[in-house]
mmCIF file of all heavy atoms, coordinates in Angstrom:
data_MODEL
# 
_entry.id   MODEL 
# 
loop_
_atom_site.group_PDB 
_atom_site.id 
_atom_site.type_symbol 
_atom_site.label_atom_id 
_atom_site.label_alt_id 
_atom_site.label_comp_id 
_atom_site.label_asym_id 
_atom_site.label_entity_id 
_atom_site.label_seq_id 
_atom_site.pdbx_PDB_ins_code 
_atom_site.Cartn_x 
_atom_site.Cartn_y 
_atom_site.Cartn_z 
_atom_site.occupancy 
_atom_site.B_iso_or_equiv 
_atom_site.pdbx_formal_charge 
_atom_site.auth_seq_id 
_atom_site.auth_comp_id 
_atom_site.auth_asym_id 
_atom_site.auth_atom_id 
_atom_site.pdbx_PDB_model_num 
ATOM 1   N N   . ARG A 1 1  ? -20.856 -65.566 141.500 1.00 0.00 ? 1  ARG A N   1 
ATOM 2   C CA  . ARG A 1 1  ? -22.146 -65.447 140.808 1.00 0.00 ? 1  ARG A CA  1 
ATOM 3   C C   . ARG A 1 1  ? -21.947 -65.141 139.326 1.00 0.00 ? 1  ARG A C   1 
ATOM 4   O O   . ARG A 1 1  ? -21.150 -64.278 138.968 1.00 0.00 ? 1  ARG A O   1 
ATOM 5   C CB  . ARG A 1 1  ? -22.977 -64.308 141.443 1.00 0.00 ? 1  ARG A CB  1 
ATOM 6   C CG  . ARG A 1 1  ? -24.335 -64.144 140.868 1.00 0.00 ? 1  ARG A CG  1 
ATOM 7   C CD  . ARG A 1 1  ? -25.091 -63.001 141.526 1.00 0.00 ? 1  ARG A CD  1 
ATOM 8   N NE  . ARG A 1 1  ? -24.677 -61.689 141.076 1.00 0.00 ? 1  ARG A NE  1 
ATOM 9   C CZ  . ARG A 1 1  ? -25.084 -61.096 139.955 1.00 0.00 ? 1  ARG A CZ  1 
ATOM 10  N NH1 . ARG A 1 1  ? -25.911 -61.682 139.155 1.00 0.00 ? 1  ARG A NH1 1 
ATOM 11  N NH2 . ARG A 1 1  ? -24.653 -59.896 139.636 1.00 0.00 ? 1  ARG A NH2 1 
ATOM 12  N N   . GLN A 1 2  ? -22.614 -65.861 138.482 1.00 0.00 ? 2  GLN A N   1 
ATOM 13  C CA  . GLN A 1 2  ? -22.573 -65.610 137.047 1.00 0.00 ? 2  GLN A CA  1 
ATOM 14  C C   . GLN A 1 2  ? -23.511 -64.469 136.728 1.00 0.00 ? 2  GLN A C   1 
ATOM 15  O O   . GLN A 1 2  ? -24.650 -64.426 137.212 1.00 0.00 ? 2  GLN A O   1 
ATOM 16  C CB  . GLN A 1 2  ? -23.007 -66.868 136.266 1.00 0.00 ? 2  GLN A CB  1 
ATOM 17  C CG  . GLN A 1 2  ? -22.028 -68.014 136.404 1.00 0.00 ? 2  GLN A CG  1 
ATOM 18  C CD  . GLN A 1 2  ? -20.691 -67.669 135.790 1.00 0.00 ? 2  GLN A CD  1 
ATOM 19  O OE1 . GLN A 1 2  ? -20.631 -67.142 134.689 1.00 0.00 ? 2  GLN A OE1 1 
ATOM 20  N NE2 . GLN A 1 2  ? -19.630 -67.941 136.528 1.00 0.00 ? 2  GLN A NE2 1 
ATOM 21  N N   . PRO A 1 3  ? -23.102 -63.511 135.894 1.00 0.00 ? 3  PRO A N   1 
ATOM 22  C CA  . PRO A 1 3  ? -23.972 -62.393 135.576 1.00 0.00 ? 3  PRO A CA  1 
ATOM 23  C C   . PRO A 1 3  ? -25.171 -62.842 134.746 1.00 0.00 ? 3  PRO A C   1 
ATOM 24  O O   . PRO A 1 3  ? -25.064 -63.788 133.960 1.00 0.00 ? 3  PRO A O   1 
ATOM 25  C CB  . PRO A 1 3  ? -23.079 -61.446 134.782 1.00 0.00 ? 3  PRO A CB  1 
ATOM 26  C CG  . PRO A 1 3  ? -21.968 -62.270 134.263 1.00 0.00 ? 3  PRO A CG  1 
ATOM 27  C CD  . PRO A 1 3  ? -21.818 -63.422 135.225 1.00 0.00 ? 3  PRO A CD  1 
ATOM 28  N N   . HIS A 1 4  ? -26.280 -62.197 134.967 1.00 0.00 ? 4  HIS A N   1 
ATOM 29  C CA  . HIS A 1 4  ? -27.488 -62.400 134.142 1.00 0.00 ? 4  HIS A CA  1 
ATOM 30  C C   . HIS A 1 4  ? -27.122 -61.992 132.720 1.00 0.00 ? 4  HIS A C   1 
ATOM 31  O O   . HIS A 1 4  ? -26.323 -61.075 132.530 1.00 0.00 ? 4  HIS A O   1 
ATOM 32  C CB  . HIS A 1 4  ? -28.620 -61.535 134.701 1.00 0.00 ? 4  HIS A CB  1 
ATOM 33  C CG  . HIS A 1 4  ? -29.925 -61.736 134.001 1.00 0.00 ? 4  HIS A CG  1 
ATOM 34  N ND1 . HIS A 1 4  ? -30.231 -61.067 132.848 1.00 0.00 ? 4  HIS A ND1 1 
ATOM 35  C CD2 . HIS A 1 4  ? -30.960 -62.542 134.289 1.00 0.00 ? 4  HIS A CD2 1 
ATOM 36  C CE1 . HIS A 1 4  ? -31.418 -61.438 132.455 1.00 0.00 ? 4  HIS A CE1 1 
ATOM 37  N NE2 . HIS A 1 4  ? -31.877 -62.314 133.308 1.00 0.00 ? 4  HIS A NE2 1 
ATOM 38  N N   . PRO A 1 5  ? -27.670 -62.666 131.679 1.00 0.00 ? 5  PRO A N   1 
ATOM 39  C CA  . PRO A 1 5  ? -27.308 -62.285 130.291 1.00 0.00 ? 5  PRO A CA  1 
ATOM 40  C C   . PRO A 1 5  ? -27.454 -60.807 130.002 1.00 0.00 ? 5  PRO A C   1 
ATOM 41  O O   . PRO A 1 5  ? -26.665 -60.242 129.265 1.00 0.00 ? 5  PRO A O   1 
ATOM 42  C CB  . PRO A 1 5  ? -28.266 -63.119 129.451 1.00 0.00 ? 5  PRO A CB  1 
ATOM 43  C CG  . PRO A 1 5  ? -28.584 -64.299 130.287 1.00 0.00 ? 5  PRO A CG  1 
ATOM 44  C CD  . PRO A 1 5  ? -28.561 -63.806 131.719 1.00 0.00 ? 5  PRO A CD  1 
ATOM 45  N N   . ALA A 1 6  ? -28.437 -60.139 130.594 1.00 0.00 ? 6  ALA A N   1 
ATOM 46  C CA  . ALA A 1 6  ? -28.627 -58.716 130.351 1.00 0.00 ? 6  ALA A CA  1 
ATOM 47  C C   . ALA A 1 6  ? -27.523 -57.872 130.989 1.00 0.00 ? 6  ALA A C   1 
ATOM 48  O O   . ALA A 1 6  ? -27.298 -56.741 130.585 1.00 0.00 ? 6  ALA A O   1 
ATOM 49  C CB  . ALA A 1 6  ? -29.990 -58.255 130.878 1.00 0.00 ? 6  ALA A CB  1 
ATOM 50  N N   . GLU A 1 7  ? -26.843 -58.443 131.997 1.00 0.00 ? 7  GLU A N   1 
ATOM 51  C CA  . GLU A 1 7  ? -25.758 -57.706 132.661 1.00 0.00 ? 7  GLU A CA  1 
ATOM 52  C C   . GLU A 1 7  ? -24.429 -57.863 131.957 1.00 0.00 ? 7  GLU A C   1 
ATOM 53  O O   . GLU A 1 7  ? -23.502 -57.106 132.193 1.00 0.00 ? 7  GLU A O   1 
ATOM 54  C CB  . GLU A 1 7  ? -25.609 -58.204 134.109 1.00 0.00 ? 7  GLU A CB  1 
ATOM 55  C CG  . GLU A 1 7  ? -26.800 -57.944 134.981 1.00 0.00 ? 7  GLU A CG  1 
ATOM 56  C CD  . GLU A 1 7  ? -26.667 -58.612 136.345 1.00 0.00 ? 7  GLU A CD  1 
ATOM 57  O OE1 . GLU A 1 7  ? -25.919 -59.625 136.459 1.00 0.00 ? 7  GLU A OE1 1 
ATOM 58  O OE2 . GLU A 1 7  ? -27.267 -58.134 137.295 1.00 0.00 ? 7  GLU A OE2 1 
ATOM 59  N N   . ARG A 1 8  ? -24.293 -58.858 131.099 1.00 0.00 ? 8  ARG A N   1 
ATOM 60  C CA  . ARG A 1 8  ? -23.032 -59.124 130.427 1.00 0.00 ? 8  ARG A CA  1 
ATOM 61  C C   . ARG A 1 8  ? -22.727 -58.030 129.437 1.00 0.00 ? 8  ARG A C   1 
ATOM 62  O O   . ARG A 1 8  ? -23.581 -57.603 128.687 1.00 0.00 ? 8  ARG A O   1 
ATOM 63  C CB  . ARG A 1 8  ? -23.063 -60.461 129.723 1.00 0.00 ? 8  ARG A CB  1 
ATOM 64  C CG  . ARG A 1 8  ? -23.111 -61.638 130.652 1.00 0.00 ? 8  ARG A CG  1 
ATOM 65  C CD  . ARG A 1 8  ? -22.945 -62.939 129.913 1.00 0.00 ? 8  ARG A CD  1 
ATOM 66  N NE  . ARG A 1 8  ? -23.293 -64.022 130.814 1.00 0.00 ? 8  ARG A NE  1 
ATOM 67  C CZ  . ARG A 1 8  ? -24.196 -64.932 130.556 1.00 0.00 ? 8  ARG A CZ  1 
ATOM 68  N NH1 . ARG A 1 8  ? -24.843 -64.931 129.426 1.00 0.00 ? 8  ARG A NH1 1 
ATOM 69  N NH2 . ARG A 1 8  ? -24.454 -65.870 131.430 1.00 0.00 ? 8  ARG A NH2 1 
ATOM 70  N N   . GLN A 1 9  ? -21.513 -57.614 129.446 1.00 0.00 ? 9  GLN A N   1 
ATOM 71  C CA  . GLN A 1 9  ? -21.059 -56.589 128.514 1.00 0.00 ? 9  GLN A CA  1 
ATOM 72  C C   . GLN A 1 9  ? -20.296 -57.269 127.369 1.00 0.00 ? 9  GLN A C   1 
ATOM 73  O O   . GLN A 1 9  ? -19.566 -58.224 127.612 1.00 0.00 ? 9  GLN A O   1 
ATOM 74  C CB  . GLN A 1 9  ? -20.130 -55.593 129.214 1.00 0.00 ? 9  GLN A CB  1 
ATOM 75  C CG  . GLN A 1 9  ? -20.801 -54.813 130.305 1.00 0.00 ? 9  GLN A CG  1 
ATOM 76  C CD  . GLN A 1 9  ? -21.875 -53.903 129.761 1.00 0.00 ? 9  GLN A CD  1 
ATOM 77  O OE1 . GLN A 1 9  ? -21.674 -53.251 128.762 1.00 0.00 ? 9  GLN A OE1 1 
ATOM 78  N NE2 . GLN A 1 9  ? -23.010 -53.881 130.429 1.00 0.00 ? 9  GLN A NE2 1 
ATOM 79  N N   . PRO A 1 10 ? -20.481 -56.801 126.116 1.00 0.00 ? 10 PRO A N   1 
ATOM 80  C CA  . PRO A 1 10 ? -19.687 -57.384 125.056 1.00 0.00 ? 10 PRO A CA  1 
ATOM 81  C C   . PRO A 1 10 ? -18.209 -57.136 125.313 1.00 0.00 ? 10 PRO A C   1 
ATOM 82  O O   . PRO A 1 10 ? -17.832 -56.117 125.864 1.00 0.00 ? 10 PRO A O   1 
ATOM 83  C CB  . PRO A 1 10 ? -20.156 -56.661 123.795 1.00 0.00 ? 10 PRO A CB  1 
ATOM 84  C CG  . PRO A 1 10 ? -20.917 -55.469 124.279 1.00 0.00 ? 10 PRO A CG  1 
ATOM 85  C CD  . PRO A 1 10 ? -21.322 -55.720 125.699 1.00 0.00 ? 10 PRO A CD  1 
ATOM 86  N N   . HIS A 1 11 ? -17.393 -58.075 124.929 1.00 0.00 ? 11 HIS A N   1 
ATOM 87  C CA  . HIS A 1 11 ? -15.967 -57.958 125.076 1.00 0.00 ? 11 HIS A CA  1 
ATOM 88  C C   . HIS A 1 11 ? -15.484 -56.842 124.172 1.00 0.00 ? 11 HIS A C   1 
ATOM 89  O O   . HIS A 1 11 ? -15.808 -56.833 122.984 1.00 0.00 ? 11 HIS A O   1 
ATOM 90  C CB  . HIS A 1 11 ? -15.285 -59.280 124.757 1.00 0.00 ? 11 HIS A CB  1 
ATOM 91  C CG  . HIS A 1 11 ? -13.837 -59.268 125.122 1.00 0.00 ? 11 HIS A CG  1 
ATOM 92  N ND1 . HIS A 1 11 ? -12.891 -58.753 124.268 1.00 0.00 ? 11 HIS A ND1 1 
ATOM 93  C CD2 . HIS A 1 11 ? -13.192 -59.709 126.214 1.00 0.00 ? 11 HIS A CD2 1 
ATOM 94  C CE1 . HIS A 1 11 ? -11.708 -58.880 124.846 1.00 0.00 ? 11 HIS A CE1 1 
ATOM 95  N NE2 . HIS A 1 11 ? -11.875 -59.455 126.009 1.00 0.00 ? 11 HIS A NE2 1 
ATOM 96  N N   . PRO A 1 12 ? -14.728 -55.859 124.664 1.00 0.00 ? 12 PRO A N   1 
ATOM 97  C CA  . PRO A 1 12 ? -14.297 -54.743 123.845 1.00 0.00 ? 12 PRO A CA  1 
ATOM 98  C C   . PRO A 1 12 ? -13.518 -55.152 122.588 1.00 0.00 ? 12 PRO A C   1 
ATOM 99  O O   . PRO A 1 12 ? -13.525 -54.442 121.601 1.00 0.00 ? 12 PRO A O   1 
ATOM 100 C CB  . PRO A 1 12 ? -13.407 -53.897 124.772 1.00 0.00 ? 12 PRO A CB  1 
ATOM 101 C CG  . PRO A 1 12 ? -13.550 -54.442 126.114 1.00 0.00 ? 12 PRO A CG  1 
ATOM 102 C CD  . PRO A 1 12 ? -14.230 -55.785 126.030 1.00 0.00 ? 12 PRO A CD  1 
ATOM 103 N N   . ALA A 1 13 ? -12.877 -56.310 122.620 1.00 0.00 ? 13 ALA A N   1 
ATOM 104 C CA  . ALA A 1 13 ? -12.110 -56.728 121.467 1.00 0.00 ? 13 ALA A CA  1 
ATOM 105 C C   . ALA A 1 13 ? -12.991 -57.352 120.374 1.00 0.00 ? 13 ALA A C   1 
ATOM 106 O O   . ALA A 1 13 ? -12.525 -57.656 119.293 1.00 0.00 ? 13 ALA A O   1 
ATOM 107 C CB  . ALA A 1 13 ? -11.023 -57.725 121.892 1.00 0.00 ? 13 ALA A CB  1 
ATOM 108 N N   . ASP A 1 14 ? -14.275 -57.588 120.669 1.00 0.00 ? 14 ASP A N   1 
ATOM 109 C CA  . ASP A 1 14 ? -15.178 -58.169 119.706 1.00 0.00 ? 14 ASP A CA  1 
ATOM 110 C C   . ASP A 1 14 ? -15.615 -57.123 118.700 1.00 0.00 ? 14 ASP A C   1 
ATOM 111 O O   . ASP A 1 14 ? -16.432 -56.267 119.011 1.00 0.00 ? 14 ASP A O   1 
ATOM 112 C CB  . ASP A 1 14 ? -16.387 -58.779 120.401 1.00 0.00 ? 14 ASP A CB  1 
ATOM 113 C CG  . ASP A 1 14 ? -17.337 -59.495 119.435 1.00 0.00 ? 14 ASP A CG  1 
ATOM 114 O OD1 . ASP A 1 14 ? -17.046 -59.549 118.212 1.00 0.00 ? 14 ASP A OD1 1 
ATOM 115 O OD2 . ASP A 1 14 ? -18.381 -59.979 119.893 1.00 0.00 ? 14 ASP A OD2 1 
ATOM 116 N N   . PRO A 1 15 ? -15.073 -57.130 117.478 1.00 0.00 ? 15 PRO A N   1 
ATOM 117 C CA  . PRO A 1 15 ? -15.406 -56.082 116.503 1.00 0.00 ? 15 PRO A CA  1 
ATOM 118 C C   . PRO A 1 15 ? -16.856 -56.106 116.066 1.00 0.00 ? 15 PRO A C   1 
ATOM 119 O O   . PRO A 1 15 ? -17.355 -55.128 115.564 1.00 0.00 ? 15 PRO A O   1 
ATOM 120 C CB  . PRO A 1 15 ? -14.460 -56.373 115.345 1.00 0.00 ? 15 PRO A CB  1 
ATOM 121 C CG  . PRO A 1 15 ? -14.161 -57.829 115.457 1.00 0.00 ? 15 PRO A CG  1 
ATOM 122 C CD  . PRO A 1 15 ? -14.196 -58.147 116.916 1.00 0.00 ? 15 PRO A CD  1 
ATOM 123 N N   . ARG A 1 16 ? -17.559 -57.197 116.313 1.00 0.00 ? 16 ARG A N   1 
ATOM 124 C CA  . ARG A 1 16 ? -18.955 -57.286 115.889 1.00 0.00 ? 16 ARG A CA  1 
ATOM 125 C C   . ARG A 1 16 ? -19.904 -56.609 116.867 1.00 0.00 ? 16 ARG A C   1 
ATOM 126 O O   . ARG A 1 16 ? -21.087 -56.496 116.572 1.00 0.00 ? 16 ARG A O   1 
ATOM 127 C CB  . ARG A 1 16 ? -19.341 -58.729 115.701 1.00 0.00 ? 16 ARG A CB  1 
ATOM 128 C CG  . ARG A 1 16 ? -18.537 -59.419 114.627 1.00 0.00 ? 16 ARG A CG  1 
ATOM 129 C CD  . ARG A 1 16 ? -18.920 -60.871 114.533 1.00 0.00 ? 16 ARG A CD  1 
ATOM 130 N NE  . ARG A 1 16 ? -17.910 -61.662 113.878 1.00 0.00 ? 16 ARG A NE  1 
ATOM 131 C CZ  . ARG A 1 16 ? -17.797 -61.776 112.563 1.00 0.00 ? 16 ARG A CZ  1 
ATOM 132 N NH1 . ARG A 1 16 ? -18.656 -61.165 111.788 1.00 0.00 ? 16 ARG A NH1 1 
ATOM 133 N NH2 . ARG A 1 16 ? -16.866 -62.505 112.036 1.00 0.00 ? 16 ARG A NH2 1 
ATOM 134 N N   . SER A 1 17 ? -19.438 -56.169 118.031 1.00 0.00 ? 17 SER A N   1 
ATOM 135 C CA  . SER A 1 17 ? -20.333 -55.562 118.994 1.00 0.00 ? 17 SER A CA  1 
ATOM 136 C C   . SER A 1 17 ? -20.517 -54.063 118.748 1.00 0.00 ? 17 SER A C   1 
ATOM 137 O O   . SER A 1 17 ? -21.382 -53.454 119.322 1.00 0.00 ? 17 SER A O   1 
ATOM 138 C CB  . SER A 1 17 ? -19.839 -55.794 120.429 1.00 0.00 ? 17 SER A CB  1 
ATOM 139 O OG  . SER A 1 17 ? -18.615 -55.105 120.626 1.00 0.00 ? 17 SER A OG  1 
ATOM 140 N N   . LEU A 1 18 ? -19.700 -53.486 117.897 1.00 0.00 ? 18 LEU A N   1 
ATOM 141 C CA  . LEU A 1 18 ? -19.801 -52.061 117.564 1.00 0.00 ? 18 LEU A CA  1 
ATOM 142 C C   . LEU A 1 18 ? -20.199 -51.897 116.099 1.00 0.00 ? 18 LEU A C   1 
ATOM 143 O O   . LEU A 1 18 ? -19.807 -52.712 115.252 1.00 0.00 ? 18 LEU A O   1 
ATOM 144 C CB  . LEU A 1 18 ? -18.465 -51.348 117.779 1.00 0.00 ? 18 LEU A CB  1 
ATOM 145 C CG  . LEU A 1 18 ? -17.959 -51.283 119.194 1.00 0.00 ? 18 LEU A CG  1 
ATOM 146 C CD1 . LEU A 1 18 ? -16.590 -50.637 119.229 1.00 0.00 ? 18 LEU A CD1 1 
ATOM 147 C CD2 . LEU A 1 18 ? -18.924 -50.517 120.085 1.00 0.00 ? 18 LEU A CD2 1 
ATOM 148 N N   . ILE A 1 19 ? -20.965 -50.849 115.833 1.00 0.00 ? 19 ILE A N   1 
ATOM 149 C CA  . ILE A 1 19 ? -21.341 -50.544 114.444 1.00 0.00 ? 19 ILE A CA  1 
ATOM 150 C C   . ILE A 1 19 ? -21.478 -49.044 114.327 1.00 0.00 ? 19 ILE A C   1 
ATOM 151 O O   . ILE A 1 19 ? -21.929 -48.363 115.248 1.00 0.00 ? 19 ILE A O   1 
ATOM 152 C CB  . ILE A 1 19 ? -22.666 -51.280 114.061 1.00 0.00 ? 19 ILE A CB  1 
ATOM 153 C CG1 . ILE A 1 19 ? -22.934 -51.101 112.552 1.00 0.00 ? 19 ILE A CG1 1 
ATOM 154 C CG2 . ILE A 1 19 ? -23.835 -50.798 114.899 1.00 0.00 ? 19 ILE A CG2 1 
ATOM 155 C CD1 . ILE A 1 19 ? -24.024 -52.015 112.053 1.00 0.00 ? 19 ILE A CD1 1 
ATOM 156 N N   . ALA A 1 20 ? -21.094 -48.515 113.199 1.00 0.00 ? 20 ALA A N   1 
ATOM 157 C CA  . ALA A 1 20 ? -21.253 -47.086 112.944 1.00 0.00 ? 20 ALA A CA  1 
ATOM 158 C C   . ALA A 1 20 ? -22.734 -46.775 112.769 1.00 0.00 ? 20 ALA A C   1 
ATOM 159 O O   . ALA A 1 20 ? -23.472 -47.569 112.148 1.00 0.00 ? 20 ALA A O   1 
ATOM 160 C CB  . ALA A 1 20 ? -20.466 -46.692 111.681 1.00 0.00 ? 20 ALA A CB  1 
ATOM 161 N N   . SER A 1 21 ? -23.165 -45.654 113.284 1.00 0.00 ? 21 SER A N   1 
ATOM 162 C CA  . SER A 1 21 ? -24.588 -45.305 113.204 1.00 0.00 ? 21 SER A CA  1 
ATOM 163 C C   . SER A 1 21 ? -25.103 -45.223 111.781 1.00 0.00 ? 21 SER A C   1 
ATOM 164 O O   . SER A 1 21 ? -26.242 -45.598 111.507 1.00 0.00 ? 21 SER A O   1 
ATOM 165 C CB  . SER A 1 21 ? -24.855 -43.984 113.936 1.00 0.00 ? 21 SER A CB  1 
ATOM 166 O OG  . SER A 1 21 ? -24.133 -42.940 113.332 1.00 0.00 ? 21 SER A OG  1 
ATOM 167 N N   . ASP A 1 22 ? -24.265 -44.793 110.845 1.00 0.00 ? 22 ASP A N   1 
ATOM 168 C CA  . ASP A 1 22 ? -24.724 -44.705 109.462 1.00 0.00 ? 22 ASP A CA  1 
ATOM 169 C C   . ASP A 1 22 ? -24.970 -46.078 108.843 1.00 0.00 ? 22 ASP A C   1 
ATOM 170 O O   . ASP A 1 22 ? -25.678 -46.182 107.844 1.00 0.00 ? 22 ASP A O   1 
ATOM 171 C CB  . ASP A 1 22 ? -23.782 -43.862 108.592 1.00 0.00 ? 22 ASP A CB  1 
ATOM 172 C CG  . ASP A 1 22 ? -22.382 -44.433 108.504 1.00 0.00 ? 22 ASP A CG  1 
ATOM 173 O OD1 . ASP A 1 22 ? -21.961 -45.169 109.404 1.00 0.00 ? 22 ASP A OD1 1 
ATOM 174 O OD2 . ASP A 1 22 ? -21.686 -44.087 107.518 1.00 0.00 ? 22 ASP A OD2 1 
ATOM 175 N N   . ARG A 1 23 ? -24.411 -47.131 109.446 1.00 0.00 ? 23 ARG A N   1 
ATOM 176 C CA  . ARG A 1 23 ? -24.680 -48.483 108.957 1.00 0.00 ? 23 ARG A CA  1 
ATOM 177 C C   . ARG A 1 23 ? -25.962 -49.039 109.549 1.00 0.00 ? 23 ARG A C   1 
ATOM 178 O O   . ARG A 1 23 ? -26.527 -49.977 109.017 1.00 0.00 ? 23 ARG A O   1 
ATOM 179 C CB  . ARG A 1 23 ? -23.501 -49.395 109.273 1.00 0.00 ? 23 ARG A CB  1 
ATOM 180 C CG  . ARG A 1 23 ? -22.259 -48.957 108.472 1.00 0.00 ? 23 ARG A CG  1 
ATOM 181 C CD  . ARG A 1 23 ? -21.206 -49.987 108.363 1.00 0.00 ? 23 ARG A CD  1 
ATOM 182 N NE  . ARG A 1 23 ? -21.711 -51.256 107.866 1.00 0.00 ? 23 ARG A NE  1 
ATOM 183 C CZ  . ARG A 1 23 ? -21.235 -52.430 108.264 1.00 0.00 ? 23 ARG A CZ  1 
ATOM 184 N NH1 . ARG A 1 23 ? -20.275 -52.486 109.155 1.00 0.00 ? 23 ARG A NH1 1 
ATOM 185 N NH2 . ARG A 1 23 ? -21.725 -53.537 107.778 1.00 0.00 ? 23 ARG A NH2 1 
ATOM 186 N N   . VAL A 1 24 ? -26.432 -48.467 110.661 1.00 0.00 ? 24 VAL A N   1 
ATOM 187 C CA  . VAL A 1 24 ? -27.694 -48.895 111.260 1.00 0.00 ? 24 VAL A CA  1 
ATOM 188 C C   . VAL A 1 24 ? -28.845 -48.279 110.456 1.00 0.00 ? 24 VAL A C   1 
ATOM 189 O O   . VAL A 1 24 ? -29.867 -48.934 110.221 1.00 0.00 ? 24 VAL A O   1 
ATOM 190 C CB  . VAL A 1 24 ? -27.774 -48.482 112.734 1.00 0.00 ? 24 VAL A CB  1 
ATOM 191 C CG1 . VAL A 1 24 ? -29.145 -48.807 113.344 1.00 0.00 ? 24 VAL A CG1 1 
ATOM 192 C CG2 . VAL A 1 24 ? -26.670 -49.161 113.532 1.00 0.00 ? 24 VAL A CG2 1 
ATOM 193 N N   . ILE A 1 25 ? -28.664 -47.029 110.019 1.00 0.00 ? 25 ILE A N   1 
ATOM 194 C CA  . ILE A 1 25 ? -29.694 -46.342 109.224 1.00 0.00 ? 25 ILE A CA  1 
ATOM 195 C C   . ILE A 1 25 ? -29.916 -47.160 107.949 1.00 0.00 ? 25 ILE A C   1 
ATOM 196 O O   . ILE A 1 25 ? -28.987 -47.525 107.255 1.00 0.00 ? 25 ILE A O   1 
ATOM 197 C CB  . ILE A 1 25 ? -29.251 -44.915 108.862 1.00 0.00 ? 25 ILE A CB  1 
ATOM 198 C CG1 . ILE A 1 25 ? -28.833 -44.118 110.098 1.00 0.00 ? 25 ILE A CG1 1 
ATOM 199 C CG2 . ILE A 1 25 ? -30.323 -44.192 108.056 1.00 0.00 ? 25 ILE A CG2 1 
ATOM 200 C CD1 . ILE A 1 25 ? -29.836 -44.033 111.184 1.00 0.00 ? 25 ILE A CD1 1 
ATOM 201 N N   . GLY A 1 26 ? -31.178 -47.436 107.674 1.00 0.00 ? 26 GLY A N   1 
ATOM 202 C CA  . GLY A 1 26 ? -31.515 -48.225 106.494 1.00 0.00 ? 26 GLY A CA  1 
ATOM 203 C C   . GLY A 1 26 ? -31.630 -49.720 106.752 1.00 0.00 ? 26 GLY A C   1 
ATOM 204 O O   . GLY A 1 26 ? -32.034 -50.461 105.876 1.00 0.00 ? 26 GLY A O   1 
ATOM 205 N N   . THR A 1 27 ? -31.277 -50.162 107.957 1.00 0.00 ? 27 THR A N   1 
ATOM 206 C CA  . THR A 1 27 ? -31.372 -51.577 108.283 1.00 0.00 ? 27 THR A CA  1 
ATOM 207 C C   . THR A 1 27 ? -32.838 -51.973 108.454 1.00 0.00 ? 27 THR A C   1 
ATOM 208 O O   . THR A 1 27 ? -33.610 -51.236 109.049 1.00 0.00 ? 27 THR A O   1 
ATOM 209 C CB  . THR A 1 27 ? -30.591 -51.898 109.584 1.00 0.00 ? 27 THR A CB  1 
ATOM 210 O OG1 . THR A 1 27 ? -29.226 -51.520 109.395 1.00 0.00 ? 27 THR A OG1 1 
ATOM 211 C CG2 . THR A 1 27 ? -30.649 -53.361 109.958 1.00 0.00 ? 27 THR A CG2 1 
# 
């Protein structure tokens, strides 16, 4: 079974899936 898109987890090696909270502030 293929996971539903909401169930998929970002690949840990994908640097774009993480962001520092101080970079979210002001977005």
